[in-house]
Protein backbone atom coordinates (compact mmCIF):
# COMPACT_ATOMS: atom_id res chain seq x y z
CA UNK A 1 0.17 -0.36 -0.06
CA UNK A 2 2.65 2.18 1.07
CA UNK A 3 4.94 1.80 -2.52
CA UNK A 4 1.82 1.34 -4.88
CA UNK A 5 -1.61 2.75 -2.97
CA UNK A 6 -2.94 6.39 -3.52
CA UNK A 7 -3.10 6.61 0.40
CA UNK A 8 -0.49 5.83 3.22
CA UNK A 9 -1.21 3.14 6.08
CA UNK A 10 -0.66 5.93 8.25
CA UNK A 11 -4.30 7.53 6.85
CA UNK A 12 -5.92 4.18 7.36
CA UNK A 13 -4.81 3.61 10.93
CA UNK A 14 -6.30 6.97 11.61
CA UNK A 15 -9.87 6.34 9.99
CA UNK A 16 -9.92 2.43 11.38
CA UNK A 17 -7.23 2.48 14.40
CA UNK A 18 -5.15 0.04 12.62
CA UNK A 19 -3.95 -1.83 8.84
CA UNK A 20 -5.71 -4.92 10.18
CA UNK A 21 -9.08 -3.39 11.26
CA UNK A 22 -9.27 -1.66 7.69
CA UNK A 23 -8.61 -5.02 5.90
CA UNK A 24 -11.37 -6.57 7.88
CA UNK A 25 -13.66 -3.63 6.71
CA UNK A 26 -12.44 -4.26 3.04
CA UNK A 27 -13.53 -7.91 3.43
CA UNK A 28 -9.96 -9.19 4.03
CA UNK A 29 -8.30 -11.45 6.19
CA UNK A 30 -4.94 -9.67 6.96
CA UNK A 31 -1.56 -11.56 7.19
CA UNK A 32 -0.55 -11.78 10.42
CA UNK A 33 3.18 -10.76 10.38
CA UNK A 34 4.22 -11.33 14.19
CA UNK A 35 3.35 -14.95 13.65
CA UNK A 36 6.37 -15.13 11.02
CA UNK A 37 9.25 -16.78 12.89
CA UNK A 38 12.64 -15.08 13.24
CA UNK A 39 14.29 -17.57 11.22
CA UNK A 40 12.23 -16.54 8.01
CA UNK A 41 13.18 -12.60 8.64
CA UNK A 42 16.92 -14.01 8.52
CA UNK A 43 16.56 -15.66 5.43
CA UNK A 44 14.91 -12.97 3.81
CA UNK A 45 17.89 -10.76 4.84
CA UNK A 46 20.14 -13.21 3.60
CA UNK A 47 18.22 -13.35 0.13
CA UNK A 48 18.30 -9.56 -0.43
CA UNK A 49 22.15 -9.71 0.77
CA UNK A 50 23.17 -12.36 -1.79
CA UNK A 51 21.27 -10.26 -4.65
CA UNK A 52 22.53 -7.03 -4.01
CA UNK A 53 26.29 -8.48 -2.52
CA UNK A 54 26.25 -6.38 0.44
CA UNK A 55 23.51 -6.23 3.58
CA UNK A 56 20.30 -4.57 2.70
CA UNK A 57 19.08 -1.08 4.29
CA UNK A 58 15.81 -0.58 5.76
CA UNK A 59 14.77 1.08 2.96
CA UNK A 60 15.75 -1.94 0.63
CA UNK A 61 13.82 -4.14 2.82
CA UNK A 62 10.83 -2.05 2.48
CA UNK A 63 10.84 -2.03 -1.24
CA UNK A 64 12.19 -5.30 -1.98
CA UNK A 65 11.52 -7.75 0.92
CA UNK A 66 9.01 -10.17 1.35
CA UNK A 67 8.40 -8.92 5.29
CA UNK A 68 8.29 -5.29 6.80
CA UNK A 69 10.78 -3.89 9.20
CA UNK A 70 8.72 -3.24 11.83
CA UNK A 71 8.25 -7.08 11.85
CA UNK A 72 11.99 -7.14 12.01
CA UNK A 73 12.29 -4.61 14.56
CA UNK A 74 9.61 -6.47 16.82
CA UNK A 75 11.77 -9.60 16.67
CA UNK A 76 15.16 -8.33 16.87
CA UNK A 77 14.73 -4.52 18.49
CA UNK A 78 16.11 -2.36 15.74
CA UNK A 79 16.66 -3.05 12.07
CA UNK A 80 20.91 -3.05 12.80
CA UNK A 81 20.24 -5.90 15.35
CA UNK A 82 18.23 -8.18 12.64
CA UNK A 83 21.34 -7.59 10.09
CA UNK A 84 23.91 -8.80 13.06
CA UNK A 85 21.68 -11.76 13.92
CA UNK A 86 22.05 -12.72 10.19
CA UNK A 87 25.29 -12.46 10.50
CA UNK A 88 25.80 -8.99 8.81
CA UNK A 89 27.59 -5.71 9.63
CA UNK A 90 25.22 -2.44 9.18
CA UNK A 91 26.14 -0.45 6.31
CA UNK A 92 27.59 2.81 7.91
CA UNK A 93 27.21 6.13 5.39
CA UNK A 94 29.70 8.61 7.03
CA UNK A 95 27.98 11.81 4.97
CA UNK A 96 24.19 11.41 3.85
CA UNK A 97 23.24 14.37 2.01
CA UNK A 98 20.86 17.08 3.79
CA UNK A 99 18.26 16.42 1.00
CA UNK A 100 18.08 12.64 1.73
CA UNK A 101 17.71 12.96 5.49
CA UNK A 102 14.40 15.75 4.94
CA UNK A 103 13.41 13.29 2.44
CA UNK A 104 13.39 10.36 5.10
CA UNK A 105 11.27 12.51 7.22
CA UNK A 106 8.61 12.77 4.42
CA UNK A 107 8.74 9.51 3.75
CA UNK A 108 8.08 8.38 7.60
CA UNK A 109 5.46 10.98 7.84
CA UNK A 110 3.57 9.49 5.22
CA UNK A 111 3.92 6.13 6.17
CA UNK A 112 2.87 6.82 9.85
CA UNK A 113 0.21 9.33 9.04
CA UNK A 114 1.79 12.05 11.51
CA UNK A 115 4.91 13.60 11.73
CA UNK A 116 7.48 11.42 13.46
CA UNK A 117 9.13 11.83 16.85
CA UNK A 118 12.83 11.37 17.08
CA UNK A 119 12.45 8.15 18.56
CA UNK A 120 10.06 6.94 16.04
CA UNK A 121 12.73 7.87 13.34
CA UNK A 122 14.91 5.98 15.38
CA UNK A 123 12.79 3.04 15.29
CA UNK A 124 11.10 3.05 11.64
CA UNK A 125 13.38 4.97 9.68
CA UNK A 126 16.64 4.29 7.80
CA UNK A 127 18.66 6.68 9.79
CA UNK A 128 18.85 7.37 13.45
CA UNK A 129 17.51 10.78 15.00
CA UNK A 130 21.34 11.17 15.79
CA UNK A 131 22.57 12.86 12.19
CA UNK A 132 19.31 15.24 12.37
CA UNK A 133 20.73 16.35 15.83
CA UNK A 134 24.51 16.90 14.91
CA UNK A 135 23.51 18.31 11.46
CA UNK A 136 20.41 20.63 12.54
CA UNK A 137 21.38 21.14 16.11
CA UNK A 138 18.07 19.19 17.46
CA UNK A 139 15.22 16.93 16.05
CA UNK A 140 12.87 19.77 15.86
CA UNK A 141 14.83 21.98 13.78
CA UNK A 142 15.46 19.11 11.46
CA UNK A 143 11.92 18.52 11.41
CA UNK A 144 10.98 22.25 10.54
CA UNK A 145 13.88 22.26 7.93
CA UNK A 146 11.69 19.29 6.21
CA UNK A 147 8.49 21.76 5.95
CA UNK A 148 6.85 20.21 9.47
CA UNK A 149 5.58 21.25 12.79
CA UNK A 150 7.46 19.31 15.28
CA UNK A 151 5.26 17.11 17.22
CA UNK A 152 3.76 19.08 20.64
CA UNK A 153 5.11 22.79 19.36
CA UNK A 154 1.87 24.71 18.54
CA UNK A 155 2.82 27.14 16.17
CA UNK A 156 0.03 29.67 16.92
CA UNK A 157 -4.03 30.40 17.22
CA UNK A 158 -3.85 28.48 13.09
CA UNK A 159 -1.87 25.42 14.50
CA UNK A 160 -4.45 22.24 15.69
CA UNK A 161 -2.18 22.21 18.18
CA UNK A 162 -2.85 25.67 19.78
CA UNK A 163 -4.02 26.34 23.27
CA UNK A 164 -4.50 29.77 24.63
CA UNK A 165 -2.22 30.21 27.30
CA UNK A 166 -3.31 32.19 30.82
CA UNK A 167 -2.99 35.75 30.82
CA UNK A 168 -0.53 35.35 33.50
CA UNK A 169 3.14 34.17 33.57
CA UNK A 170 4.46 32.47 36.51
CA UNK A 171 7.70 33.56 37.01
CA UNK A 172 8.28 31.69 40.02
CA UNK A 173 7.54 27.67 41.25
CA UNK A 174 8.37 28.47 45.29
CA UNK A 175 11.28 28.02 47.52
CA UNK A 176 11.01 24.18 47.22
CA UNK A 177 10.52 24.01 44.01
CA UNK A 178 14.08 22.59 43.33
CA UNK A 179 14.07 19.85 46.13
CA UNK A 180 10.48 18.64 44.69
CA UNK A 181 11.17 18.58 41.05
CA UNK A 182 14.20 16.55 41.87
CA UNK A 183 12.07 14.30 44.14
CA UNK A 184 9.79 13.87 41.23
CA UNK A 185 12.41 12.75 38.84
CA UNK A 186 13.74 10.49 41.17
CA UNK A 187 10.46 9.12 41.91
CA UNK A 188 9.66 8.76 38.16
CA UNK A 189 13.21 7.02 37.28
CA UNK A 190 14.25 10.02 35.08
CA UNK A 191 11.37 8.89 32.27
CA UNK A 192 8.71 10.28 30.70
CA UNK A 193 5.57 8.82 32.32
CA UNK A 194 3.21 9.44 29.82
CA UNK A 195 1.67 5.82 28.40
CA UNK A 196 4.00 4.46 25.65
CA UNK A 197 6.80 6.69 25.78
CA UNK A 198 10.33 5.88 27.05
CA UNK A 199 12.48 9.29 27.15
CA UNK A 200 15.11 9.00 29.70
CA UNK A 201 17.26 11.99 31.12
CA UNK A 202 20.06 11.48 29.12
CA UNK A 203 18.23 10.94 25.61
CA UNK A 204 15.87 13.71 26.31
CA UNK A 205 19.06 16.12 26.66
CA UNK A 206 20.61 14.94 23.48
CA UNK A 207 17.67 15.17 21.72
CA UNK A 208 16.38 18.48 22.81
CA UNK A 209 19.13 19.88 24.66
CA UNK A 210 17.42 20.32 28.11
CA UNK A 211 16.19 17.70 30.65
CA UNK A 212 13.15 16.56 31.02
CA UNK A 213 10.00 18.34 32.27
CA UNK A 214 7.98 18.59 35.60
CA UNK A 215 4.54 19.10 35.41
CA UNK A 216 1.89 20.67 37.54
CA UNK A 217 -1.01 18.25 37.21
CA UNK A 218 -3.30 21.05 38.73
CA UNK A 219 -2.02 24.50 37.14
CA UNK A 220 -0.43 27.28 39.98
CA UNK A 221 -3.36 28.87 39.36
CA UNK A 222 -5.66 26.60 41.01
CA UNK A 223 -3.82 27.19 44.27
CA UNK A 224 -3.80 30.93 44.15
CA UNK A 225 -4.44 33.54 42.44
CA UNK A 226 -0.95 35.34 41.94
CA UNK A 227 2.41 34.66 42.52
CA UNK A 228 1.98 35.98 45.87
CA UNK A 229 -0.67 34.16 46.92
CA UNK A 230 0.18 30.54 45.79
CA UNK A 231 0.25 27.77 48.39
CA UNK A 232 3.42 26.67 46.89
CA UNK A 233 3.79 23.66 49.44
CA UNK A 234 0.18 22.27 47.80
CA UNK A 235 0.92 22.92 44.56
CA UNK A 236 4.53 21.61 44.33
CA UNK A 237 3.53 18.29 46.24
CA UNK A 238 5.01 15.38 44.90
CA UNK A 239 0.94 13.83 44.26
CA UNK A 240 0.81 16.97 41.94
CA UNK A 241 4.29 16.90 39.84
CA UNK A 242 5.00 14.50 37.03
CA UNK A 243 7.92 13.94 34.95
CA UNK A 244 7.27 14.64 31.06
CA UNK A 245 8.93 14.72 27.86
CA UNK A 246 9.17 17.96 25.52
CA UNK A 247 6.90 16.03 23.13
CA UNK A 248 4.13 15.05 25.39
CA UNK A 249 3.84 18.20 27.61
CA UNK A 250 1.40 19.75 26.03
CA UNK A 251 -0.95 16.46 26.40
CA UNK A 252 -0.73 16.97 29.92
CA UNK A 253 -1.43 20.65 29.75
CA UNK A 254 -4.32 20.40 27.74
CA UNK A 255 -5.79 17.59 30.17
CA UNK A 256 -4.82 19.57 33.06
CA UNK A 257 -6.27 19.40 35.97
CA UNK A 258 -6.98 15.51 35.32
CA UNK A 259 -4.10 13.60 35.03
CA UNK A 260 -3.19 10.80 32.05
CA UNK A 261 -2.76 7.49 33.04
CA UNK A 262 0.79 6.44 33.77
CA UNK A 263 2.47 3.24 34.02
């Protein structure tokens, strides 16, 4: 579908919840790739390597392989690990042109039906997120260079993620903020608590040039009209704090004062 169809698989996933559901709605029974033995995936990698004379890239697997890259990643953790399991060393390209890197963002956007995050690029793209960070000094800048708006970064009132901000700006989080923030990070094991997200402190610093965020579940405005009236002891209690990443912080802001389900 992604190479010959008019619409990207992500379009069907957005409409029906999954590609398999879309196939069933159309009267077909989907192939269960997760049932493919790992040995068959390794055999397919070997076949492609034999035909081309070198280990296949993830793009070549998508275009010429019998199975998707995703099923290989599910079995082995990543495409490179699948290559190693098949007895090959991943091909290293020292200087990928900017245009090719940006085209991969566009391709993955079409495949997923949304702008990819840095982790999704590393998991599903031909390249990891690291060359983008080195080349554009950050994943978000690379996404913008490709002509897209990064996930979780509202661009103004016309953007679908826009949320009107309060008229006041909080400049102080209270004398106990640094201590409570550190306790929240330690409690959450320095990992974003959004369901399904696995951003760690080190990876977040590399991708976003800053550490993970600590979010107030109930906003400061719920504890006082202005900075002089806020009860920071209550506002900064651990039960009101949660560790989140830059990509998902806006989701928590939108849910406030409710709490998203955490792991």
